[in-house]
């Protein structure tokens, strides 16, 4: 089974939403979250909790986690939400650059096939890819509840597509 790591900035909104959604859709996968600039041990934001609740999802045990080398060693796929996250990984954890892609890119290009997940990910050449503006999932931090709800729906669409691709991984 695949180890999927979602990484956003604070590990309080986008990665929390994605982890919770993928765990719900693919309970057999191992899924974790982390942040590039996280304060460890904090619960998810109240607006994240409310957005997930509207989708009948929750993770009452979530506590924020700063991305560490051990997380990278564990991961088969690192899923991020914007170009700054890709750049952070390339600078601080270059060893996982080949398995790091944005959620929109992975939802669009990582296809289900007879090949195993590492082979499919390698075929995307993620370490060399330029990140387009279409690949950003806007950070809802600082926004009203409506902004969090829209972000959750966007992430859910991408995660649902990715879950289908990861089915059987």
N, C-alpha and C. Protein backbone atom coordinates (compact mmCIF):
# COMPACT_ATOMS: atom_id res chain seq x y z
N UNK A 1 0.83 -1.19 0.00
CA UNK A 1 0.00 0.00 0.00
C UNK A 1 0.87 1.25 0.00
N UNK A 2 0.34 2.29 -0.60
CA UNK A 2 1.10 3.52 -0.78
C UNK A 2 1.05 4.41 0.46
N UNK A 3 2.13 5.15 0.66
CA UNK A 3 2.23 6.16 1.70
C UNK A 3 2.11 7.52 1.04
N UNK A 4 1.02 8.24 1.34
CA UNK A 4 0.74 9.52 0.70
C UNK A 4 0.90 10.62 1.73
N UNK A 5 1.72 11.62 1.42
CA UNK A 5 1.99 12.74 2.31
C UNK A 5 1.50 14.03 1.67
N UNK A 6 0.56 14.70 2.33
CA UNK A 6 0.08 16.01 1.88
C UNK A 6 0.82 17.08 2.66
N UNK A 7 1.33 18.09 1.94
CA UNK A 7 2.10 19.16 2.58
C UNK A 7 1.55 20.52 2.14
N UNK A 8 1.14 21.32 3.12
CA UNK A 8 0.77 22.71 2.83
C UNK A 8 1.65 23.61 3.70
N UNK A 9 1.24 24.81 3.96
CA UNK A 9 2.10 25.73 4.70
C UNK A 9 2.03 25.48 6.21
N UNK A 10 0.86 25.59 6.81
CA UNK A 10 0.76 25.49 8.26
C UNK A 10 0.23 24.18 8.78
N UNK A 11 -0.18 23.28 7.87
CA UNK A 11 -0.80 22.01 8.26
C UNK A 11 -2.00 22.27 9.17
N UNK A 12 -2.82 23.28 8.74
CA UNK A 12 -4.01 23.63 9.50
C UNK A 12 -5.26 23.69 8.63
N UNK A 13 -5.09 23.70 7.30
CA UNK A 13 -6.27 23.81 6.43
C UNK A 13 -6.17 22.86 5.24
N UNK A 14 -5.43 23.23 4.18
CA UNK A 14 -5.45 22.46 2.93
C UNK A 14 -5.00 21.02 3.11
N UNK A 15 -3.85 20.80 3.74
CA UNK A 15 -3.37 19.42 3.90
C UNK A 15 -4.29 18.63 4.83
N UNK A 16 -4.85 19.29 5.83
CA UNK A 16 -5.77 18.61 6.74
C UNK A 16 -7.01 18.15 5.98
N UNK A 17 -7.55 19.04 5.15
CA UNK A 17 -8.72 18.68 4.34
C UNK A 17 -8.40 17.49 3.45
N UNK A 18 -7.27 17.55 2.75
CA UNK A 18 -6.91 16.49 1.81
C UNK A 18 -6.67 15.16 2.52
N UNK A 19 -5.98 15.19 3.64
CA UNK A 19 -5.74 13.96 4.40
C UNK A 19 -7.06 13.34 4.83
N UNK A 20 -7.92 14.15 5.39
CA UNK A 20 -9.21 13.66 5.87
C UNK A 20 -10.04 13.08 4.73
N UNK A 21 -10.05 13.76 3.61
CA UNK A 21 -10.83 13.30 2.45
C UNK A 21 -10.28 12.00 1.88
N UNK A 22 -8.95 11.92 1.71
CA UNK A 22 -8.38 10.70 1.12
C UNK A 22 -8.53 9.52 2.07
N UNK A 23 -8.37 9.75 3.35
CA UNK A 23 -8.58 8.65 4.31
C UNK A 23 -10.01 8.12 4.22
N UNK A 24 -10.95 9.02 4.01
CA UNK A 24 -12.35 8.62 3.88
C UNK A 24 -12.57 7.82 2.59
N UNK A 25 -11.98 8.29 1.50
CA UNK A 25 -12.19 7.65 0.19
C UNK A 25 -11.37 6.38 0.00
N UNK A 26 -10.18 6.34 0.58
CA UNK A 26 -9.28 5.19 0.41
C UNK A 26 -8.72 4.79 1.78
N UNK A 27 -9.51 4.17 2.62
CA UNK A 27 -9.05 3.85 3.98
C UNK A 27 -7.88 2.88 4.03
N UNK A 28 -7.61 2.19 2.94
CA UNK A 28 -6.48 1.24 2.93
C UNK A 28 -5.14 1.94 2.75
N UNK A 29 -5.14 3.17 2.26
CA UNK A 29 -3.89 3.91 2.06
C UNK A 29 -3.40 4.47 3.39
N UNK A 30 -2.09 4.66 3.49
CA UNK A 30 -1.50 5.34 4.62
C UNK A 30 -1.35 6.81 4.22
N UNK A 31 -1.96 7.70 4.99
CA UNK A 31 -2.00 9.11 4.62
C UNK A 31 -1.60 9.96 5.82
N UNK A 32 -0.71 10.92 5.57
CA UNK A 32 -0.27 11.85 6.61
C UNK A 32 -0.26 13.26 6.03
N UNK A 33 -0.14 14.24 6.94
CA UNK A 33 -0.01 15.62 6.54
C UNK A 33 1.11 16.30 7.30
N UNK A 34 1.61 17.40 6.72
CA UNK A 34 2.67 18.19 7.35
C UNK A 34 2.63 19.59 6.75
N UNK A 35 3.39 20.49 7.37
CA UNK A 35 3.47 21.86 6.89
C UNK A 35 4.90 22.29 6.67
N UNK A 36 5.09 23.24 5.76
CA UNK A 36 6.42 23.78 5.51
C UNK A 36 6.83 24.78 6.58
N UNK A 37 5.86 25.47 7.16
CA UNK A 37 6.10 26.43 8.24
C UNK A 37 5.02 26.27 9.30
N UNK A 38 5.03 25.13 9.93
CA UNK A 38 3.97 24.76 10.87
C UNK A 38 4.44 24.95 12.31
N UNK A 39 3.51 25.32 13.16
CA UNK A 39 3.74 25.31 14.60
C UNK A 39 3.21 23.96 15.09
N UNK A 40 4.09 23.05 15.47
CA UNK A 40 3.66 21.70 15.83
C UNK A 40 2.68 21.66 17.00
N UNK A 41 1.71 20.74 16.88
CA UNK A 41 0.80 20.44 17.97
C UNK A 41 -0.51 21.20 18.00
N UNK A 42 -0.75 22.08 17.04
CA UNK A 42 -2.00 22.85 17.05
C UNK A 42 -3.13 22.07 16.36
N UNK A 43 -4.35 22.24 16.83
CA UNK A 43 -5.48 21.62 16.13
C UNK A 43 -5.75 22.35 14.81
N UNK A 44 -6.54 21.74 13.96
CA UNK A 44 -6.91 22.40 12.71
C UNK A 44 -7.70 23.66 13.04
N UNK A 45 -7.74 24.58 12.08
CA UNK A 45 -8.50 25.81 12.31
C UNK A 45 -9.99 25.49 12.44
N UNK A 46 -10.70 26.36 13.13
CA UNK A 46 -12.14 26.16 13.30
C UNK A 46 -12.86 26.18 11.96
N UNK A 47 -12.41 27.02 11.05
CA UNK A 47 -13.07 27.09 9.74
C UNK A 47 -12.79 25.85 8.91
N UNK A 48 -11.60 25.25 9.08
CA UNK A 48 -11.32 23.97 8.43
C UNK A 48 -12.26 22.90 8.98
N UNK A 49 -12.39 22.86 10.28
CA UNK A 49 -13.27 21.89 10.93
C UNK A 49 -14.71 22.05 10.42
N UNK A 50 -15.17 23.30 10.31
CA UNK A 50 -16.53 23.56 9.85
C UNK A 50 -16.70 23.15 8.38
N UNK A 51 -15.71 23.44 7.54
CA UNK A 51 -15.79 23.06 6.12
C UNK A 51 -15.86 21.55 5.97
N UNK A 52 -15.05 20.83 6.74
CA UNK A 52 -15.08 19.37 6.69
C UNK A 52 -16.41 18.83 7.23
N UNK A 53 -16.91 19.44 8.28
CA UNK A 53 -18.17 19.00 8.87
C UNK A 53 -19.31 19.10 7.87
N UNK A 54 -19.29 20.12 7.03
CA UNK A 54 -20.33 20.28 6.01
C UNK A 54 -20.29 19.14 4.98
N UNK A 55 -19.16 18.42 4.94
CA UNK A 55 -19.01 17.28 4.04
C UNK A 55 -19.12 15.96 4.83
N UNK A 56 -19.57 16.07 6.06
CA UNK A 56 -19.69 14.92 6.96
C UNK A 56 -18.35 14.22 7.20
N UNK A 57 -17.30 15.02 7.31
CA UNK A 57 -15.96 14.51 7.56
C UNK A 57 -15.39 15.19 8.81
N UNK A 58 -14.50 14.49 9.49
CA UNK A 58 -13.82 15.09 10.64
C UNK A 58 -12.53 14.34 10.94
N UNK A 59 -11.65 15.01 11.65
CA UNK A 59 -10.44 14.40 12.18
C UNK A 59 -10.17 15.08 13.53
N UNK A 60 -10.86 14.63 14.57
CA UNK A 60 -10.73 15.29 15.87
C UNK A 60 -9.35 15.14 16.50
N UNK A 61 -8.54 14.24 16.00
CA UNK A 61 -7.23 13.99 16.58
C UNK A 61 -6.11 14.75 15.89
N UNK A 62 -6.42 15.50 14.84
CA UNK A 62 -5.37 16.21 14.10
C UNK A 62 -4.61 17.19 14.99
N UNK A 63 -3.30 17.17 14.84
CA UNK A 63 -2.41 18.18 15.42
C UNK A 63 -1.38 18.52 14.34
N UNK A 64 -1.11 19.80 14.19
CA UNK A 64 -0.19 20.24 13.14
C UNK A 64 1.19 19.63 13.34
N UNK A 65 1.88 19.48 12.21
CA UNK A 65 3.16 18.78 12.20
C UNK A 65 4.07 19.46 11.19
N UNK A 66 5.27 19.80 11.60
CA UNK A 66 6.27 20.39 10.71
C UNK A 66 6.90 19.27 9.87
N UNK A 67 7.02 19.50 8.57
CA UNK A 67 7.64 18.52 7.68
C UNK A 67 9.06 18.22 8.14
N UNK A 68 9.39 16.95 8.25
CA UNK A 68 10.71 16.49 8.67
C UNK A 68 11.23 15.45 7.68
N UNK A 69 12.50 15.20 7.76
CA UNK A 69 13.13 14.21 6.87
C UNK A 69 12.48 12.84 6.99
N UNK A 70 12.06 12.46 8.20
CA UNK A 70 11.42 11.16 8.41
C UNK A 70 10.13 11.05 7.59
N UNK A 71 9.41 12.15 7.47
CA UNK A 71 8.19 12.15 6.66
C UNK A 71 8.53 11.88 5.20
N UNK A 72 9.57 12.53 4.75
CA UNK A 72 9.99 12.35 3.35
C UNK A 72 10.47 10.93 3.10
N UNK A 73 11.20 10.36 4.05
CA UNK A 73 11.66 8.98 3.91
C UNK A 73 10.48 8.02 3.84
N UNK A 74 9.41 8.32 4.55
CA UNK A 74 8.22 7.48 4.62
C UNK A 74 7.40 7.52 3.34
N UNK A 75 7.36 8.66 2.68
CA UNK A 75 6.42 8.91 1.59
C UNK A 75 6.77 8.22 0.28
N UNK A 76 5.72 7.71 -0.37
CA UNK A 76 5.82 7.24 -1.76
C UNK A 76 5.40 8.34 -2.73
N UNK A 77 4.60 9.27 -2.23
CA UNK A 77 4.12 10.39 -3.03
C UNK A 77 3.90 11.57 -2.10
N UNK A 78 4.45 12.74 -2.47
CA UNK A 78 4.28 13.97 -1.71
C UNK A 78 3.39 14.89 -2.54
N UNK A 79 2.28 15.29 -1.97
CA UNK A 79 1.29 16.10 -2.68
C UNK A 79 1.25 17.47 -2.01
N UNK A 80 1.48 18.52 -2.82
CA UNK A 80 1.51 19.89 -2.31
C UNK A 80 0.44 20.73 -3.00
N UNK A 81 0.33 22.00 -2.62
CA UNK A 81 -0.79 22.82 -3.05
C UNK A 81 -0.42 24.07 -3.83
N UNK A 82 0.87 24.38 -3.93
CA UNK A 82 1.27 25.58 -4.67
C UNK A 82 2.75 25.49 -5.01
N UNK A 83 3.19 26.38 -5.89
CA UNK A 83 4.58 26.35 -6.36
C UNK A 83 5.57 26.59 -5.21
N UNK A 84 5.19 27.41 -4.24
CA UNK A 84 6.09 27.66 -3.11
C UNK A 84 6.39 26.37 -2.33
N UNK A 85 5.42 25.49 -2.26
CA UNK A 85 5.65 24.21 -1.58
C UNK A 85 6.63 23.34 -2.36
N UNK A 86 6.47 23.34 -3.68
CA UNK A 86 7.41 22.59 -4.54
C UNK A 86 8.82 23.14 -4.35
N UNK A 87 8.95 24.46 -4.38
CA UNK A 87 10.26 25.08 -4.21
C UNK A 87 10.85 24.76 -2.84
N UNK A 88 10.04 24.76 -1.80
CA UNK A 88 10.50 24.41 -0.45
C UNK A 88 11.05 22.98 -0.44
N UNK A 89 10.31 22.07 -1.02
CA UNK A 89 10.76 20.67 -1.08
C UNK A 89 12.07 20.57 -1.85
N UNK A 90 12.14 21.23 -2.99
CA UNK A 90 13.36 21.15 -3.81
C UNK A 90 14.57 21.71 -3.08
N UNK A 91 14.38 22.74 -2.26
CA UNK A 91 15.49 23.33 -1.49
C UNK A 91 15.84 22.51 -0.26
N UNK A 92 14.84 22.07 0.48
CA UNK A 92 15.08 21.46 1.79
C UNK A 92 15.04 19.94 1.83
N UNK A 93 14.37 19.34 0.86
CA UNK A 93 14.27 17.88 0.81
C UNK A 93 14.38 17.43 -0.65
N UNK A 94 15.49 17.75 -1.31
CA UNK A 94 15.61 17.46 -2.75
C UNK A 94 15.47 15.98 -3.08
N UNK A 95 15.72 15.12 -2.12
CA UNK A 95 15.62 13.69 -2.39
C UNK A 95 14.20 13.26 -2.74
N UNK A 96 13.18 14.03 -2.34
CA UNK A 96 11.81 13.67 -2.68
C UNK A 96 11.23 14.54 -3.81
N UNK A 97 12.05 15.37 -4.42
CA UNK A 97 11.58 16.16 -5.57
C UNK A 97 10.98 15.29 -6.67
N UNK A 98 11.56 14.11 -6.96
CA UNK A 98 10.98 13.27 -8.02
C UNK A 98 9.60 12.70 -7.69
N UNK A 99 9.20 12.75 -6.42
CA UNK A 99 7.89 12.21 -6.06
C UNK A 99 6.96 13.29 -5.50
N UNK A 100 7.29 14.57 -5.76
CA UNK A 100 6.52 15.69 -5.25
C UNK A 100 5.83 16.42 -6.39
N UNK A 101 4.51 16.52 -6.29
CA UNK A 101 3.74 17.25 -7.29
C UNK A 101 2.57 17.96 -6.66
N UNK A 102 2.05 18.96 -7.36
CA UNK A 102 0.87 19.66 -6.86
C UNK A 102 -0.36 18.78 -7.00
N UNK A 103 -1.32 19.01 -6.14
CA UNK A 103 -2.57 18.24 -6.20
C UNK A 103 -3.25 18.38 -7.56
N UNK A 104 -3.36 19.59 -8.12
CA UNK A 104 -3.99 19.69 -9.44
C UNK A 104 -3.22 18.91 -10.53
N UNK A 105 -1.89 18.96 -10.51
CA UNK A 105 -1.09 18.24 -11.52
C UNK A 105 -1.27 16.73 -11.38
N UNK A 106 -1.22 16.24 -10.15
CA UNK A 106 -1.35 14.80 -9.93
C UNK A 106 -2.75 14.32 -10.29
N UNK A 107 -3.77 15.11 -9.95
CA UNK A 107 -5.14 14.74 -10.30
C UNK A 107 -5.32 14.69 -11.82
N UNK A 108 -4.62 15.57 -12.52
CA UNK A 108 -4.76 15.64 -13.98
C UNK A 108 -3.92 14.60 -14.72
N UNK A 109 -2.69 14.39 -14.27
CA UNK A 109 -1.75 13.59 -15.06
C UNK A 109 -1.39 12.21 -14.51
N UNK A 110 -1.59 11.96 -13.22
CA UNK A 110 -1.26 10.64 -12.68
C UNK A 110 -2.42 9.71 -13.01
N UNK A 111 -2.20 8.83 -13.93
CA UNK A 111 -3.27 7.95 -14.41
C UNK A 111 -3.16 6.57 -13.80
N UNK A 112 -4.31 5.94 -13.67
CA UNK A 112 -4.34 4.54 -13.25
C UNK A 112 -3.82 3.71 -14.40
N UNK A 113 -3.02 2.73 -14.09
CA UNK A 113 -2.44 1.88 -15.12
C UNK A 113 -1.99 0.57 -14.48
N UNK A 114 -1.48 -0.31 -15.34
CA UNK A 114 -0.96 -1.59 -14.84
C UNK A 114 0.36 -1.41 -14.09
N UNK A 115 1.00 -0.26 -14.26
CA UNK A 115 2.28 -0.02 -13.60
C UNK A 115 2.06 0.30 -12.12
N UNK A 116 3.09 0.03 -11.31
CA UNK A 116 3.01 0.37 -9.90
C UNK A 116 3.11 1.88 -9.72
N UNK A 117 2.75 2.37 -8.54
CA UNK A 117 2.75 3.80 -8.28
C UNK A 117 4.11 4.45 -8.50
N UNK A 118 5.21 3.90 -8.00
CA UNK A 118 6.51 4.54 -8.24
C UNK A 118 6.83 4.71 -9.73
N UNK A 119 6.46 3.74 -10.55
CA UNK A 119 6.71 3.84 -11.99
C UNK A 119 5.85 4.93 -12.63
N UNK A 120 4.59 5.00 -12.20
CA UNK A 120 3.70 6.03 -12.74
C UNK A 120 4.16 7.42 -12.33
N UNK A 121 4.58 7.57 -11.09
CA UNK A 121 5.06 8.87 -10.61
C UNK A 121 6.35 9.25 -11.34
N UNK A 122 7.26 8.29 -11.50
CA UNK A 122 8.52 8.57 -12.20
C UNK A 122 8.26 9.06 -13.62
N UNK A 123 7.24 8.52 -14.26
CA UNK A 123 6.91 8.94 -15.62
C UNK A 123 6.47 10.38 -15.74
N UNK A 124 6.09 10.99 -14.64
CA UNK A 124 5.67 12.40 -14.66
C UNK A 124 6.83 13.38 -14.63
N UNK A 125 8.04 12.89 -14.31
CA UNK A 125 9.25 13.72 -14.24
C UNK A 125 9.00 14.98 -13.40
N UNK A 126 8.51 14.79 -12.21
CA UNK A 126 8.10 15.90 -11.35
C UNK A 126 9.26 16.80 -10.91
N UNK A 127 10.44 16.25 -10.74
CA UNK A 127 11.57 17.05 -10.28
C UNK A 127 11.96 18.12 -11.29
N UNK A 128 11.64 17.89 -12.56
CA UNK A 128 12.01 18.84 -13.62
C UNK A 128 10.84 19.71 -14.06
N UNK A 129 9.66 19.45 -13.58
CA UNK A 129 8.49 20.16 -14.11
C UNK A 129 8.43 21.60 -13.62
N UNK A 130 8.01 22.48 -14.52
CA UNK A 130 7.72 23.87 -14.18
C UNK A 130 6.31 23.90 -13.65
N UNK A 131 6.08 24.66 -12.60
CA UNK A 131 4.77 24.72 -11.98
C UNK A 131 3.99 25.88 -12.59
N UNK A 132 2.82 25.55 -13.15
CA UNK A 132 1.98 26.57 -13.76
C UNK A 132 1.03 27.20 -12.76
N UNK A 133 0.52 28.37 -13.11
CA UNK A 133 -0.41 29.07 -12.21
C UNK A 133 -1.69 28.27 -11.99
N UNK A 134 -2.04 27.41 -12.94
CA UNK A 134 -3.24 26.58 -12.81
C UNK A 134 -3.13 25.54 -11.70
N UNK A 135 -1.92 25.35 -11.17
CA UNK A 135 -1.68 24.30 -10.18
C UNK A 135 -1.88 24.75 -8.74
N UNK A 136 -2.20 25.99 -8.50
CA UNK A 136 -2.32 26.48 -7.14
C UNK A 136 -3.72 26.29 -6.58
N UNK A 137 -3.77 25.73 -5.38
CA UNK A 137 -4.99 25.69 -4.59
C UNK A 137 -4.81 26.79 -3.55
N UNK A 138 -5.57 27.85 -3.70
CA UNK A 138 -5.40 29.03 -2.84
C UNK A 138 -5.53 28.69 -1.36
N UNK A 139 -4.65 29.27 -0.56
CA UNK A 139 -4.70 29.10 0.89
C UNK A 139 -5.89 29.89 1.43
N UNK A 140 -6.80 29.23 2.14
CA UNK A 140 -7.96 29.95 2.67
C UNK A 140 -7.66 30.74 3.94
N UNK A 141 -6.47 30.60 4.49
CA UNK A 141 -6.13 31.26 5.76
C UNK A 141 -6.47 32.74 5.70
N UNK A 142 -7.12 33.20 6.73
CA UNK A 142 -7.51 34.60 6.80
C UNK A 142 -8.84 34.90 6.15
N UNK A 143 -9.38 33.92 5.43
CA UNK A 143 -10.65 34.12 4.75
C UNK A 143 -11.83 33.78 5.64
N UNK A 144 -12.99 34.20 5.20
CA UNK A 144 -14.23 33.86 5.90
C UNK A 144 -14.57 32.39 5.68
N UNK A 145 -15.60 31.91 6.35
CA UNK A 145 -16.01 30.51 6.23
C UNK A 145 -16.30 30.13 4.79
N UNK A 146 -16.89 31.04 4.02
CA UNK A 146 -17.18 30.74 2.61
C UNK A 146 -15.92 30.40 1.83
N UNK A 147 -14.82 31.08 2.12
CA UNK A 147 -13.55 30.82 1.45
C UNK A 147 -13.06 29.41 1.79
N UNK A 148 -13.19 29.01 3.03
CA UNK A 148 -12.80 27.66 3.45
C UNK A 148 -13.69 26.61 2.79
N UNK A 149 -14.98 26.90 2.69
CA UNK A 149 -15.91 25.96 2.07
C UNK A 149 -15.59 25.75 0.60
N UNK A 150 -15.29 26.84 -0.10
CA UNK A 150 -14.92 26.75 -1.51
C UNK A 150 -13.62 25.96 -1.66
N UNK A 151 -12.66 26.25 -0.81
CA UNK A 151 -11.38 25.53 -0.85
C UNK A 151 -11.61 24.04 -0.61
N UNK A 152 -12.44 23.70 0.35
CA UNK A 152 -12.71 22.29 0.66
C UNK A 152 -13.35 21.59 -0.54
N UNK A 153 -14.28 22.25 -1.21
CA UNK A 153 -14.91 21.64 -2.39
C UNK A 153 -13.90 21.43 -3.51
N UNK A 154 -13.01 22.43 -3.71
CA UNK A 154 -11.98 22.30 -4.74
C UNK A 154 -11.05 21.13 -4.42
N UNK A 155 -10.58 21.07 -3.19
CA UNK A 155 -9.69 19.98 -2.79
C UNK A 155 -10.40 18.64 -2.92
N UNK A 156 -11.66 18.59 -2.53
CA UNK A 156 -12.42 17.35 -2.63
C UNK A 156 -12.50 16.86 -4.08
N UNK A 157 -12.71 17.76 -5.01
CA UNK A 157 -12.75 17.37 -6.42
C UNK A 157 -11.42 16.74 -6.85
N UNK A 158 -10.32 17.40 -6.50
CA UNK A 158 -9.00 16.87 -6.86
C UNK A 158 -8.71 15.56 -6.15
N UNK A 159 -9.00 15.50 -4.85
CA UNK A 159 -8.71 14.29 -4.07
C UNK A 159 -9.56 13.12 -4.56
N UNK A 160 -10.79 13.37 -4.95
CA UNK A 160 -11.64 12.29 -5.48
C UNK A 160 -11.03 11.70 -6.75
N UNK A 161 -10.52 12.57 -7.61
CA UNK A 161 -9.85 12.09 -8.83
C UNK A 161 -8.58 11.32 -8.48
N UNK A 162 -7.79 11.87 -7.58
CA UNK A 162 -6.56 11.19 -7.16
C UNK A 162 -6.86 9.86 -6.50
N UNK A 163 -7.90 9.80 -5.70
CA UNK A 163 -8.27 8.54 -5.02
C UNK A 163 -8.57 7.44 -6.02
N UNK A 164 -9.24 7.79 -7.10
CA UNK A 164 -9.51 6.80 -8.16
C UNK A 164 -8.21 6.28 -8.77
N UNK A 165 -7.28 7.18 -8.97
CA UNK A 165 -5.98 6.82 -9.54
C UNK A 165 -5.20 5.93 -8.59
N UNK A 166 -5.32 6.20 -7.30
CA UNK A 166 -4.56 5.45 -6.30
C UNK A 166 -5.25 4.16 -5.90
N UNK A 167 -6.47 3.94 -6.35
CA UNK A 167 -7.20 2.72 -6.04
C UNK A 167 -6.37 1.52 -6.44
N UNK A 168 -6.07 0.68 -5.50
CA UNK A 168 -5.25 -0.50 -5.79
C UNK A 168 -3.76 -0.28 -5.59
N UNK A 169 -3.34 0.95 -5.26
CA UNK A 169 -1.92 1.21 -5.03
C UNK A 169 -1.47 0.63 -3.72
